[in-house]
Amino acid sequence: MTKYGNDDKKEKNRKLSADEQLRLQQFEALAQNMQEKGYRRTDLTVSIIKANIFSVILLIPTAVIGFGLFALNNRGLNVSAGFPLWFFPIFLVLIVVHELIHGLTWAVFTEHHWKDIAFGIMMQYLTPYCSCRVPLARGPYIIGALMPMLVLGILPMAYGILQGSLWVLVIGIIMTDAAAGDILIVKNILTYRSDAADVVYMDHPTQAGGVIFEK
């Protein structure tokens, strides 16, 4: 039987900011209300530590595929241009953009749009995150979770391969790997089987991943 939910007590009991505490209180009040109405709660949250371990594993096939296709399309790997000065500044900016893309995508599917989106950072892990405050359907939740990987990872990889731009390819590989946690979250959603007639998907306000309410 597949085990779901973040079981890392240190992560779950980390010190929260005032905004996080308020969002968590609002979320738990909503969860309590849902359970009183007969919904069963299942956490599909993901441990940041496990996500980081998975990112190391994911980097290998991503790099092999990316560099392999680049070499085939461009007759080898040309590194004569040297290391570009823009690489690290762009990488830091894209970490923030990654979370903004989550928010912008989910906001499209919510009633109050941008007002339904919140951002935060897990200071202990130096990990920024985006959270949707309201329920989402399965499809929109998955689209919002994977959109940063597509926009910042897959598309730059394809551009770098087709245009022979090695460092754009490298950015694409890194940003694809940065979506490791998102991939685990979507994996949990896709592998979770429910025969309930009514299923609601909620993003967890302080942890990576979501919570399903079903009856």
N, C-alpha and C. Protein backbone atom coordinates (compact mmCIF):
# COMPACT_ATOMS: atom_id res chain seq x y z
N MET A 1 0.84 -1.20 0.00
CA MET A 1 0.00 0.00 0.00
C MET A 1 0.87 1.25 0.00
N THR A 2 0.60 2.18 -0.90
CA THR A 2 1.38 3.41 -1.02
C THR A 2 1.15 4.32 0.18
N LYS A 3 2.23 4.84 0.73
CA LYS A 3 2.13 5.75 1.86
C LYS A 3 2.19 7.18 1.36
N TYR A 4 1.24 8.00 1.77
CA TYR A 4 1.18 9.39 1.33
C TYR A 4 1.43 10.33 2.50
N GLY A 5 1.84 11.54 2.18
CA GLY A 5 1.98 12.57 3.18
C GLY A 5 3.41 12.72 3.69
N ASN A 6 3.76 13.94 4.07
CA ASN A 6 5.07 14.25 4.61
C ASN A 6 5.18 13.72 6.04
N ASP A 7 6.12 12.81 6.28
CA ASP A 7 6.28 12.24 7.62
C ASP A 7 7.50 12.80 8.34
N ASP A 8 8.07 13.90 7.79
CA ASP A 8 9.24 14.54 8.41
C ASP A 8 8.75 15.49 9.51
N LYS A 9 8.90 15.08 10.77
CA LYS A 9 8.38 15.86 11.89
C LYS A 9 9.08 17.21 12.02
N LYS A 10 10.36 17.26 11.67
CA LYS A 10 11.10 18.52 11.76
C LYS A 10 10.51 19.55 10.80
N GLU A 11 10.21 19.12 9.58
CA GLU A 11 9.61 20.03 8.61
C GLU A 11 8.21 20.44 9.04
N LYS A 12 7.43 19.49 9.52
CA LYS A 12 6.05 19.77 9.89
C LYS A 12 5.96 20.68 11.11
N ASN A 13 6.99 20.64 11.97
CA ASN A 13 6.98 21.44 13.19
C ASN A 13 7.92 22.65 13.12
N ARG A 14 8.32 23.02 11.91
CA ARG A 14 9.22 24.16 11.77
C ARG A 14 8.54 25.45 12.24
N LYS A 15 9.33 26.42 12.60
CA LYS A 15 8.80 27.70 13.05
C LYS A 15 8.19 28.44 11.88
N LEU A 16 6.95 28.88 12.03
CA LEU A 16 6.22 29.54 10.96
C LEU A 16 6.22 31.05 11.16
N SER A 17 6.17 31.76 10.05
CA SER A 17 6.02 33.21 10.11
C SER A 17 4.60 33.54 10.53
N ALA A 18 4.35 34.80 10.85
CA ALA A 18 3.00 35.22 11.25
C ALA A 18 2.00 34.96 10.13
N ASP A 19 2.39 35.26 8.89
CA ASP A 19 1.49 35.02 7.75
C ASP A 19 1.21 33.54 7.58
N GLU A 20 2.24 32.71 7.75
CA GLU A 20 2.06 31.26 7.62
C GLU A 20 1.14 30.73 8.72
N GLN A 21 1.32 31.22 9.93
CA GLN A 21 0.46 30.78 11.03
C GLN A 21 -1.00 31.11 10.74
N LEU A 22 -1.25 32.32 10.21
CA LEU A 22 -2.61 32.72 9.89
C LEU A 22 -3.20 31.84 8.79
N ARG A 23 -2.41 31.60 7.74
CA ARG A 23 -2.89 30.76 6.64
C ARG A 23 -3.16 29.34 7.11
N LEU A 24 -2.29 28.83 7.99
CA LEU A 24 -2.47 27.47 8.49
C LEU A 24 -3.73 27.39 9.35
N GLN A 25 -3.98 28.40 10.18
CA GLN A 25 -5.20 28.42 11.00
C GLN A 25 -6.44 28.44 10.12
N GLN A 26 -6.42 29.25 9.06
CA GLN A 26 -7.56 29.32 8.15
C GLN A 26 -7.76 27.99 7.43
N PHE A 27 -6.66 27.38 7.04
CA PHE A 27 -6.72 26.10 6.34
C PHE A 27 -7.29 25.01 7.26
N GLU A 28 -6.79 24.94 8.49
CA GLU A 28 -7.24 23.90 9.41
C GLU A 28 -8.71 24.11 9.79
N ALA A 29 -9.16 25.36 9.86
CA ALA A 29 -10.57 25.63 10.12
C ALA A 29 -11.43 25.13 8.96
N LEU A 30 -10.95 25.37 7.74
CA LEU A 30 -11.66 24.88 6.56
C LEU A 30 -11.66 23.35 6.53
N ALA A 31 -10.51 22.75 6.86
CA ALA A 31 -10.40 21.29 6.88
C ALA A 31 -11.35 20.69 7.90
N GLN A 32 -11.44 21.31 9.07
CA GLN A 32 -12.36 20.84 10.10
C GLN A 32 -13.80 20.92 9.63
N ASN A 33 -14.12 22.00 8.96
CA ASN A 33 -15.48 22.18 8.43
C ASN A 33 -15.80 21.12 7.39
N MET A 34 -14.82 20.82 6.53
CA MET A 34 -15.02 19.81 5.50
C MET A 34 -15.24 18.44 6.14
N GLN A 35 -14.46 18.12 7.16
CA GLN A 35 -14.57 16.82 7.81
C GLN A 35 -15.89 16.68 8.56
N GLU A 36 -16.38 17.79 9.11
CA GLU A 36 -17.68 17.77 9.78
C GLU A 36 -18.81 17.53 8.78
N LYS A 37 -18.56 17.87 7.53
CA LYS A 37 -19.55 17.64 6.47
C LYS A 37 -19.44 16.23 5.88
N GLY A 38 -18.53 15.44 6.41
CA GLY A 38 -18.42 14.06 5.97
C GLY A 38 -17.28 13.77 5.02
N TYR A 39 -16.42 14.75 4.77
CA TYR A 39 -15.28 14.53 3.88
C TYR A 39 -14.16 13.82 4.63
N ARG A 40 -13.46 12.94 3.94
CA ARG A 40 -12.28 12.26 4.47
C ARG A 40 -11.04 12.99 3.96
N ARG A 41 -10.11 13.27 4.87
CA ARG A 41 -8.90 14.02 4.52
C ARG A 41 -7.73 13.08 4.28
N THR A 42 -7.00 13.32 3.17
CA THR A 42 -5.77 12.59 2.90
C THR A 42 -4.69 13.59 2.49
N ASP A 43 -3.60 13.62 3.24
CA ASP A 43 -2.50 14.53 2.91
C ASP A 43 -1.61 13.91 1.84
N LEU A 44 -1.35 14.69 0.79
CA LEU A 44 -0.44 14.27 -0.27
C LEU A 44 0.79 15.17 -0.28
N THR A 45 1.15 15.66 0.89
CA THR A 45 2.31 16.55 1.00
C THR A 45 3.61 15.78 0.80
N VAL A 46 4.67 16.55 0.48
CA VAL A 46 5.96 15.96 0.14
C VAL A 46 7.05 16.57 1.02
N SER A 47 7.94 15.75 1.52
CA SER A 47 9.07 16.22 2.31
C SER A 47 10.08 16.96 1.43
N ILE A 48 10.54 18.12 1.90
CA ILE A 48 11.55 18.88 1.16
C ILE A 48 12.83 18.08 1.04
N ILE A 49 13.19 17.36 2.10
CA ILE A 49 14.41 16.54 2.06
C ILE A 49 14.29 15.47 0.98
N LYS A 50 13.15 14.77 0.92
CA LYS A 50 12.96 13.74 -0.10
C LYS A 50 12.95 14.35 -1.50
N ALA A 51 12.36 15.54 -1.62
CA ALA A 51 12.34 16.23 -2.91
C ALA A 51 13.76 16.57 -3.35
N ASN A 52 14.61 16.99 -2.41
CA ASN A 52 16.00 17.32 -2.74
C ASN A 52 16.77 16.07 -3.14
N ILE A 53 16.50 14.96 -2.48
CA ILE A 53 17.15 13.70 -2.85
C ILE A 53 16.72 13.28 -4.25
N PHE A 54 15.42 13.42 -4.51
CA PHE A 54 14.91 13.06 -5.84
C PHE A 54 15.51 13.96 -6.91
N SER A 55 15.77 15.23 -6.58
CA SER A 55 16.34 16.15 -7.57
C SER A 55 17.74 15.70 -7.99
N VAL A 56 18.49 15.13 -7.05
CA VAL A 56 19.82 14.61 -7.39
C VAL A 56 19.70 13.43 -8.34
N ILE A 57 18.71 12.57 -8.07
CA ILE A 57 18.48 11.42 -8.94
C ILE A 57 17.99 11.87 -10.32
N LEU A 58 17.07 12.84 -10.33
CA LEU A 58 16.48 13.32 -11.58
C LEU A 58 17.51 14.00 -12.47
N LEU A 59 18.51 14.65 -11.85
CA LEU A 59 19.49 15.41 -12.63
C LEU A 59 20.25 14.53 -13.61
N ILE A 60 20.51 13.28 -13.23
CA ILE A 60 21.32 12.41 -14.08
C ILE A 60 20.64 12.13 -15.43
N PRO A 61 19.42 11.56 -15.46
CA PRO A 61 18.81 11.32 -16.77
C PRO A 61 18.49 12.61 -17.53
N THR A 62 18.15 13.68 -16.80
CA THR A 62 17.86 14.95 -17.47
C THR A 62 19.09 15.47 -18.20
N ALA A 63 20.23 15.41 -17.53
CA ALA A 63 21.48 15.88 -18.14
C ALA A 63 21.90 14.98 -19.29
N VAL A 64 21.78 13.68 -19.10
CA VAL A 64 22.17 12.73 -20.16
C VAL A 64 21.35 12.96 -21.41
N ILE A 65 20.04 13.08 -21.24
CA ILE A 65 19.15 13.31 -22.40
C ILE A 65 19.44 14.66 -23.05
N GLY A 66 19.56 15.70 -22.21
CA GLY A 66 19.80 17.04 -22.74
C GLY A 66 21.10 17.16 -23.49
N PHE A 67 22.21 16.76 -22.87
CA PHE A 67 23.51 16.85 -23.52
C PHE A 67 23.62 15.89 -24.70
N GLY A 68 22.98 14.72 -24.57
CA GLY A 68 23.01 13.76 -25.67
C GLY A 68 22.33 14.30 -26.92
N LEU A 69 21.12 14.87 -26.76
CA LEU A 69 20.40 15.45 -27.90
C LEU A 69 21.14 16.66 -28.45
N PHE A 70 21.76 17.45 -27.57
CA PHE A 70 22.52 18.62 -28.02
C PHE A 70 23.69 18.17 -28.89
N ALA A 71 24.42 17.14 -28.42
CA ALA A 71 25.57 16.66 -29.17
C ALA A 71 25.15 16.11 -30.53
N LEU A 72 24.04 15.38 -30.57
CA LEU A 72 23.56 14.83 -31.83
C LEU A 72 23.14 15.91 -32.81
N ASN A 73 22.49 16.94 -32.30
CA ASN A 73 21.97 18.00 -33.17
C ASN A 73 23.04 19.02 -33.57
N ASN A 74 24.09 19.13 -32.77
CA ASN A 74 25.10 20.16 -33.01
C ASN A 74 26.51 19.60 -33.20
N ARG A 75 26.59 18.30 -33.47
CA ARG A 75 27.86 17.64 -33.76
C ARG A 75 28.87 17.84 -32.63
N GLY A 76 28.42 17.59 -31.43
CA GLY A 76 29.31 17.68 -30.28
C GLY A 76 28.91 18.77 -29.31
N LEU A 77 29.69 18.89 -28.21
CA LEU A 77 29.45 19.91 -27.20
C LEU A 77 30.50 21.00 -27.33
N ASN A 78 30.06 22.19 -27.67
CA ASN A 78 30.97 23.32 -27.86
C ASN A 78 30.99 24.17 -26.59
N VAL A 79 32.08 24.08 -25.84
CA VAL A 79 32.20 24.87 -24.60
C VAL A 79 33.26 25.97 -24.74
N SER A 80 33.63 26.28 -25.99
CA SER A 80 34.69 27.26 -26.23
C SER A 80 34.30 28.67 -25.81
N ALA A 81 32.99 28.92 -25.71
CA ALA A 81 32.55 30.27 -25.36
C ALA A 81 32.85 30.61 -23.91
N GLY A 82 33.14 29.62 -23.07
CA GLY A 82 33.44 29.88 -21.68
C GLY A 82 32.20 30.09 -20.84
N PHE A 83 32.43 30.31 -19.55
CA PHE A 83 31.32 30.46 -18.60
C PHE A 83 30.74 31.87 -18.68
N PRO A 84 29.43 32.01 -18.96
CA PRO A 84 28.84 33.35 -19.10
C PRO A 84 28.60 34.01 -17.75
N LEU A 85 28.84 35.33 -17.67
CA LEU A 85 28.68 36.07 -16.43
C LEU A 85 27.22 36.17 -16.00
N TRP A 86 26.29 36.00 -16.96
CA TRP A 86 24.87 36.14 -16.64
C TRP A 86 24.29 34.89 -15.98
N PHE A 87 25.05 33.82 -15.93
CA PHE A 87 24.48 32.53 -15.54
C PHE A 87 23.89 32.57 -14.12
N PHE A 88 24.68 32.93 -13.12
CA PHE A 88 24.20 32.89 -11.73
C PHE A 88 23.11 33.91 -11.45
N PRO A 89 23.23 35.17 -11.93
CA PRO A 89 22.11 36.12 -11.72
C PRO A 89 20.80 35.63 -12.32
N ILE A 90 20.87 35.08 -13.52
CA ILE A 90 19.67 34.56 -14.17
C ILE A 90 19.10 33.39 -13.39
N PHE A 91 19.97 32.53 -12.90
CA PHE A 91 19.51 31.37 -12.12
C PHE A 91 18.77 31.82 -10.87
N LEU A 92 19.30 32.81 -10.15
CA LEU A 92 18.65 33.30 -8.93
C LEU A 92 17.29 33.93 -9.25
N VAL A 93 17.23 34.67 -10.34
CA VAL A 93 15.96 35.29 -10.74
C VAL A 93 14.94 34.21 -11.10
N LEU A 94 15.38 33.17 -11.78
CA LEU A 94 14.46 32.11 -12.22
C LEU A 94 13.90 31.31 -11.05
N ILE A 95 14.61 31.24 -9.94
CA ILE A 95 14.08 30.57 -8.75
C ILE A 95 12.81 31.28 -8.28
N VAL A 96 12.85 32.62 -8.31
CA VAL A 96 11.67 33.41 -7.93
C VAL A 96 10.59 33.29 -9.00
N VAL A 97 11.00 33.36 -10.27
CA VAL A 97 10.04 33.27 -11.38
C VAL A 97 9.31 31.93 -11.35
N HIS A 98 10.02 30.88 -10.95
CA HIS A 98 9.41 29.54 -10.82
C HIS A 98 8.15 29.61 -9.96
N GLU A 99 8.27 30.26 -8.80
CA GLU A 99 7.11 30.36 -7.90
C GLU A 99 6.04 31.28 -8.45
N LEU A 100 6.45 32.35 -9.13
CA LEU A 100 5.48 33.26 -9.73
C LEU A 100 4.65 32.56 -10.80
N ILE A 101 5.28 31.66 -11.54
CA ILE A 101 4.55 30.91 -12.58
C ILE A 101 3.52 29.99 -11.95
N HIS A 102 3.88 29.34 -10.84
CA HIS A 102 2.88 28.55 -10.09
C HIS A 102 1.66 29.43 -9.80
N GLY A 103 1.94 30.59 -9.19
CA GLY A 103 0.86 31.47 -8.77
C GLY A 103 0.03 32.00 -9.91
N LEU A 104 0.68 32.46 -10.97
CA LEU A 104 -0.04 33.00 -12.12
C LEU A 104 -0.93 31.95 -12.77
N THR A 105 -0.44 30.73 -12.85
CA THR A 105 -1.21 29.65 -13.48
C THR A 105 -2.42 29.29 -12.63
N TRP A 106 -2.20 29.07 -11.34
CA TRP A 106 -3.32 28.73 -10.46
C TRP A 106 -4.33 29.86 -10.39
N ALA A 107 -3.84 31.11 -10.42
CA ALA A 107 -4.74 32.27 -10.31
C ALA A 107 -5.75 32.31 -11.45
N VAL A 108 -5.38 31.77 -12.60
CA VAL A 108 -6.29 31.74 -13.74
C VAL A 108 -7.56 30.96 -13.41
N PHE A 109 -7.44 29.95 -12.55
CA PHE A 109 -8.54 29.03 -12.27
C PHE A 109 -9.32 29.37 -10.99
N THR A 110 -8.95 30.45 -10.30
CA THR A 110 -9.62 30.77 -9.05
C THR A 110 -10.55 31.97 -9.22
N GLU A 111 -11.49 32.11 -8.32
CA GLU A 111 -12.50 33.17 -8.43
C GLU A 111 -11.89 34.56 -8.26
N HIS A 112 -11.02 34.70 -7.28
CA HIS A 112 -10.44 36.02 -7.00
C HIS A 112 -9.02 36.15 -7.54
N HIS A 113 -8.62 35.18 -8.35
CA HIS A 113 -7.36 35.20 -9.08
C HIS A 113 -6.16 35.48 -8.16
N TRP A 114 -5.41 36.56 -8.37
CA TRP A 114 -4.16 36.78 -7.65
C TRP A 114 -4.36 36.87 -6.14
N LYS A 115 -5.55 37.31 -5.69
CA LYS A 115 -5.83 37.42 -4.26
C LYS A 115 -5.89 36.03 -3.59
N ASP A 116 -6.07 34.99 -4.39
CA ASP A 116 -6.15 33.63 -3.84
C ASP A 116 -4.80 32.95 -3.75
N ILE A 117 -3.74 33.69 -4.08
CA ILE A 117 -2.39 33.12 -4.12
C ILE A 117 -1.53 33.72 -3.01
N ALA A 118 -0.74 32.89 -2.35
CA ALA A 118 0.17 33.36 -1.30
C ALA A 118 1.58 32.80 -1.55
N PHE A 119 2.57 33.55 -1.10
CA PHE A 119 3.96 33.12 -1.25
C PHE A 119 4.65 33.11 0.11
N GLY A 120 5.68 32.29 0.23
CA GLY A 120 6.43 32.23 1.47
C GLY A 120 7.79 31.62 1.22
N ILE A 121 8.55 31.45 2.29
CA ILE A 121 9.86 30.81 2.18
C ILE A 121 10.12 29.98 3.44
N MET A 122 10.56 28.76 3.25
CA MET A 122 10.98 27.92 4.36
C MET A 122 12.43 28.28 4.67
N MET A 123 12.63 29.17 5.64
CA MET A 123 13.96 29.71 5.91
C MET A 123 14.96 28.63 6.28
N GLN A 124 14.48 27.60 6.99
CA GLN A 124 15.40 26.53 7.41
C GLN A 124 16.02 25.81 6.21
N TYR A 125 15.29 25.80 5.09
CA TYR A 125 15.75 25.09 3.89
C TYR A 125 16.04 26.05 2.74
N LEU A 126 15.91 27.35 2.99
CA LEU A 126 16.10 28.38 1.96
C LEU A 126 15.29 28.04 0.72
N THR A 127 14.04 27.62 0.96
CA THR A 127 13.17 27.16 -0.13
C THR A 127 11.93 28.04 -0.25
N PRO A 128 11.82 28.82 -1.32
CA PRO A 128 10.60 29.61 -1.54
C PRO A 128 9.47 28.70 -2.00
N TYR A 129 8.24 29.13 -1.77
CA TYR A 129 7.11 28.33 -2.21
C TYR A 129 5.92 29.22 -2.54
N CYS A 130 4.99 28.66 -3.30
CA CYS A 130 3.74 29.31 -3.65
C CYS A 130 2.61 28.42 -3.17
N SER A 131 1.54 29.04 -2.66
CA SER A 131 0.40 28.28 -2.16
C SER A 131 -0.89 28.90 -2.67
N CYS A 132 -1.82 28.05 -3.09
CA CYS A 132 -3.15 28.50 -3.50
C CYS A 132 -4.08 28.35 -2.31
N ARG A 133 -4.80 29.42 -1.96
CA ARG A 133 -5.61 29.44 -0.75
C ARG A 133 -6.95 28.72 -0.90
N VAL A 134 -7.38 28.45 -2.11
CA VAL A 134 -8.72 27.93 -2.35
C VAL A 134 -8.65 26.58 -3.07
N PRO A 135 -9.74 25.81 -3.02
CA PRO A 135 -9.74 24.50 -3.69
C PRO A 135 -9.59 24.62 -5.20
N LEU A 136 -8.97 23.61 -5.78
CA LEU A 136 -8.79 23.53 -7.23
C LEU A 136 -9.23 22.16 -7.72
N ALA A 137 -9.64 22.11 -8.96
CA ALA A 137 -9.93 20.82 -9.58
C ALA A 137 -8.60 20.11 -9.87
N ARG A 138 -8.68 18.83 -10.10
CA ARG A 138 -7.46 18.02 -10.31
C ARG A 138 -6.61 18.53 -11.47
N GLY A 139 -7.26 18.79 -12.59
CA GLY A 139 -6.52 19.24 -13.76
C GLY A 139 -5.79 20.56 -13.55
N PRO A 140 -6.49 21.63 -13.11
CA PRO A 140 -5.81 22.90 -12.86
C PRO A 140 -4.69 22.81 -11.83
N TYR A 141 -4.88 21.96 -10.80
CA TYR A 141 -3.82 21.82 -9.80
C TYR A 141 -2.55 21.25 -10.45
N ILE A 142 -2.73 20.23 -11.27
CA ILE A 142 -1.58 19.60 -11.93
C ILE A 142 -0.93 20.56 -12.92
N ILE A 143 -1.75 21.28 -13.68
CA ILE A 143 -1.20 22.24 -14.65
C ILE A 143 -0.36 23.29 -13.95
N GLY A 144 -0.89 23.84 -12.85
CA GLY A 144 -0.14 24.85 -12.11
C GLY A 144 1.13 24.31 -11.50
N ALA A 145 1.10 23.05 -11.08
CA ALA A 145 2.28 22.44 -10.47
C ALA A 145 3.40 22.22 -11.49
N LEU A 146 3.05 21.86 -12.71
CA LEU A 146 4.06 21.52 -13.72
C LEU A 146 4.43 22.67 -14.65
N MET A 147 3.68 23.77 -14.64
CA MET A 147 3.94 24.85 -15.58
C MET A 147 5.35 25.43 -15.48
N PRO A 148 5.93 25.64 -14.27
CA PRO A 148 7.31 26.15 -14.23
C PRO A 148 8.31 25.22 -14.90
N MET A 149 8.14 23.92 -14.75
CA MET A 149 9.04 22.98 -15.41
C MET A 149 8.97 23.12 -16.92
N LEU A 150 7.76 23.30 -17.44
CA LEU A 150 7.59 23.45 -18.88
C LEU A 150 8.21 24.75 -19.38
N VAL A 151 7.87 25.87 -18.72
CA VAL A 151 8.29 27.19 -19.19
C VAL A 151 9.78 27.43 -18.97
N LEU A 152 10.29 27.06 -17.81
CA LEU A 152 11.67 27.38 -17.46
C LEU A 152 12.64 26.22 -17.69
N GLY A 153 12.09 25.00 -17.84
CA GLY A 153 12.94 23.84 -18.00
C GLY A 153 12.91 23.23 -19.39
N ILE A 154 11.78 22.65 -19.74
CA ILE A 154 11.67 21.91 -21.01
C ILE A 154 11.86 22.83 -22.23
N LEU A 155 11.19 23.97 -22.24
CA LEU A 155 11.31 24.87 -23.39
C LEU A 155 12.73 25.42 -23.57
N PRO A 156 13.40 25.89 -22.51
CA PRO A 156 14.80 26.30 -22.70
C PRO A 156 15.72 25.16 -23.14
N MET A 157 15.46 23.95 -22.63
CA MET A 157 16.25 22.80 -23.09
C MET A 157 16.08 22.60 -24.59
N ALA A 158 14.82 22.65 -25.05
CA ALA A 158 14.55 22.47 -26.48
C ALA A 158 15.20 23.58 -27.30
N TYR A 159 15.10 24.82 -26.82
CA TYR A 159 15.71 25.95 -27.53
C TYR A 159 17.22 25.79 -27.59
N GLY A 160 17.83 25.44 -26.46
CA GLY A 160 19.28 25.27 -26.43
C GLY A 160 19.75 24.19 -27.37
N ILE A 161 19.02 23.09 -27.44
CA ILE A 161 19.38 21.99 -28.34
C ILE A 161 19.25 22.40 -29.80
N LEU A 162 18.12 23.02 -30.13
CA LEU A 162 17.85 23.38 -31.53
C LEU A 162 18.71 24.53 -32.02
N GLN A 163 19.03 25.48 -31.14
CA GLN A 163 19.80 26.65 -31.54
C GLN A 163 21.29 26.53 -31.23
N GLY A 164 21.68 25.43 -30.63
CA GLY A 164 23.09 25.24 -30.34
C GLY A 164 23.60 26.11 -29.22
N SER A 165 22.74 26.49 -28.29
CA SER A 165 23.13 27.34 -27.17
C SER A 165 23.32 26.47 -25.93
N LEU A 166 24.56 26.15 -25.63
CA LEU A 166 24.87 25.20 -24.56
C LEU A 166 24.42 25.70 -23.20
N TRP A 167 24.66 26.99 -22.92
CA TRP A 167 24.35 27.49 -21.58
C TRP A 167 22.86 27.68 -21.36
N VAL A 168 22.11 27.93 -22.43
CA VAL A 168 20.65 27.93 -22.30
C VAL A 168 20.17 26.52 -22.00
N LEU A 169 20.79 25.54 -22.64
CA LEU A 169 20.49 24.13 -22.34
C LEU A 169 20.75 23.83 -20.86
N VAL A 170 21.89 24.30 -20.35
CA VAL A 170 22.24 24.04 -18.95
C VAL A 170 21.20 24.66 -18.01
N ILE A 171 20.77 25.89 -18.33
CA ILE A 171 19.72 26.53 -17.53
C ILE A 171 18.46 25.68 -17.55
N GLY A 172 18.09 25.18 -18.73
CA GLY A 172 16.91 24.34 -18.87
C GLY A 172 17.01 23.07 -18.06
N ILE A 173 18.19 22.45 -18.07
CA ILE A 173 18.41 21.23 -17.29
C ILE A 173 18.26 21.51 -15.80
N ILE A 174 18.86 22.59 -15.33
CA ILE A 174 18.80 22.93 -13.91
C ILE A 174 17.37 23.25 -13.48
N MET A 175 16.65 24.01 -14.31
CA MET A 175 15.29 24.40 -13.94
C MET A 175 14.31 23.24 -14.07
N THR A 176 14.60 22.29 -14.94
CA THR A 176 13.81 21.05 -14.96
C THR A 176 14.03 20.28 -13.68
N ASP A 177 15.30 20.20 -13.27
CA ASP A 177 15.63 19.51 -12.03
C ASP A 177 15.04 20.23 -10.82
N ALA A 178 14.92 21.56 -10.90
CA ALA A 178 14.36 22.34 -9.79
C ALA A 178 12.88 22.02 -9.57
N ALA A 179 12.26 21.39 -10.54
CA ALA A 179 10.85 21.01 -10.43
C ALA A 179 10.68 19.60 -9.86
N ALA A 180 11.73 19.05 -9.26
CA ALA A 180 11.66 17.69 -8.72
C ALA A 180 10.53 17.55 -7.71
N GLY A 181 10.39 18.51 -6.81
CA GLY A 181 9.31 18.46 -5.82
C GLY A 181 7.95 18.50 -6.47
N ASP A 182 7.81 19.33 -7.51
CA ASP A 182 6.54 19.43 -8.24
C ASP A 182 6.19 18.10 -8.89
N ILE A 183 7.20 17.42 -9.43
CA ILE A 183 6.98 16.12 -10.06
C ILE A 183 6.49 15.10 -9.04
N LEU A 184 7.09 15.12 -7.84
CA LEU A 184 6.66 14.20 -6.79
C LEU A 184 5.22 14.49 -6.36
N ILE A 185 4.87 15.77 -6.29
CA ILE A 185 3.51 16.15 -5.91
C ILE A 185 2.51 15.62 -6.94
N VAL A 186 2.81 15.82 -8.21
CA VAL A 186 1.92 15.34 -9.27
C VAL A 186 1.86 13.83 -9.28
N LYS A 187 2.99 13.19 -9.01
CA LYS A 187 3.02 11.71 -8.94
C LYS A 187 2.05 11.21 -7.88
N ASN A 188 2.05 11.87 -6.74
CA ASN A 188 1.13 11.48 -5.66
C ASN A 188 -0.33 11.63 -6.08
N ILE A 189 -0.61 12.73 -6.77
CA ILE A 189 -1.99 12.96 -7.22
C ILE A 189 -2.42 11.90 -8.24
N LEU A 190 -1.54 11.59 -9.18
CA LEU A 190 -1.89 10.66 -10.25
C LEU A 190 -1.98 9.22 -9.76
N THR A 191 -1.20 8.88 -8.73
CA THR A 191 -1.22 7.50 -8.25
C THR A 191 -2.26 7.27 -7.16
N TYR A 192 -2.82 8.37 -6.60
CA TYR A 192 -3.84 8.23 -5.58
C TYR A 192 -5.16 7.85 -6.24
N ARG A 193 -5.75 6.78 -5.83
CA ARG A 193 -6.99 6.30 -6.41
C ARG A 193 -8.16 6.58 -5.47
N SER A 194 -9.20 7.20 -6.00
CA SER A 194 -10.38 7.50 -5.21
C SER A 194 -11.63 7.12 -6.00
N ASP A 195 -12.56 6.45 -5.32
CA ASP A 195 -13.83 6.11 -5.96
C ASP A 195 -14.94 7.01 -5.42
N ALA A 196 -14.56 8.10 -4.73
CA ALA A 196 -15.54 9.02 -4.17
C ALA A 196 -16.21 9.84 -5.26
N ALA A 197 -17.45 10.18 -5.03
CA ALA A 197 -18.20 10.98 -6.01
C ALA A 197 -17.80 12.45 -5.94
N ASP A 198 -17.34 12.90 -4.78
CA ASP A 198 -16.99 14.30 -4.58
C ASP A 198 -15.56 14.38 -4.06
N VAL A 199 -14.67 14.97 -4.86
CA VAL A 199 -13.26 15.08 -4.48
C VAL A 199 -12.83 16.53 -4.63
N VAL A 200 -12.21 17.08 -3.58
CA VAL A 200 -11.74 18.46 -3.58
C VAL A 200 -10.23 18.47 -3.33
N TYR A 201 -9.48 19.26 -4.13
CA TYR A 201 -8.04 19.35 -4.00
C TYR A 201 -7.67 20.71 -3.39
N MET A 202 -6.92 20.66 -2.28
CA MET A 202 -6.48 21.88 -1.62
C MET A 202 -4.95 21.89 -1.52
N ASP A 203 -4.35 23.03 -1.81
CA ASP A 203 -2.92 23.19 -1.64
C ASP A 203 -2.63 23.42 -0.15
N HIS A 204 -1.61 22.73 0.38
CA HIS A 204 -1.28 22.94 1.78
C HIS A 204 -0.60 24.30 1.95
N PRO A 205 -0.96 25.08 2.97
CA PRO A 205 -0.46 26.45 3.09
C PRO A 205 1.00 26.57 3.53
N THR A 206 1.57 25.54 4.15
CA THR A 206 2.94 25.67 4.67
C THR A 206 3.85 24.51 4.29
N GLN A 207 3.33 23.51 3.60
CA GLN A 207 4.15 22.38 3.17
C GLN A 207 4.02 22.19 1.67
N ALA A 208 4.98 21.47 1.09
CA ALA A 208 4.92 21.20 -0.33
C ALA A 208 3.87 20.14 -0.62
N GLY A 209 2.97 20.44 -1.55
CA GLY A 209 1.96 19.46 -1.91
C GLY A 209 0.58 19.86 -1.46
N GLY A 210 -0.36 18.95 -1.61
CA GLY A 210 -1.75 19.27 -1.33
C GLY A 210 -2.44 18.28 -0.41
N VAL A 211 -3.71 18.52 -0.22
CA VAL A 211 -4.56 17.70 0.63
C VAL A 211 -5.84 17.41 -0.15
N ILE A 212 -6.29 16.15 -0.12
CA ILE A 212 -7.51 15.76 -0.80
C ILE A 212 -8.61 15.56 0.24
N PHE A 213 -9.79 16.12 -0.07
CA PHE A 213 -10.98 15.87 0.73
C PHE A 213 -11.98 15.14 -0.15
N GLU A 214 -12.50 14.02 0.31
CA GLU A 214 -13.38 13.22 -0.55
C GLU A 214 -14.51 12.58 0.28
N LYS A 215 -15.66 12.42 -0.39
CA LYS A 215 -16.76 11.69 0.24
C LYS A 215 -17.66 11.10 -0.84
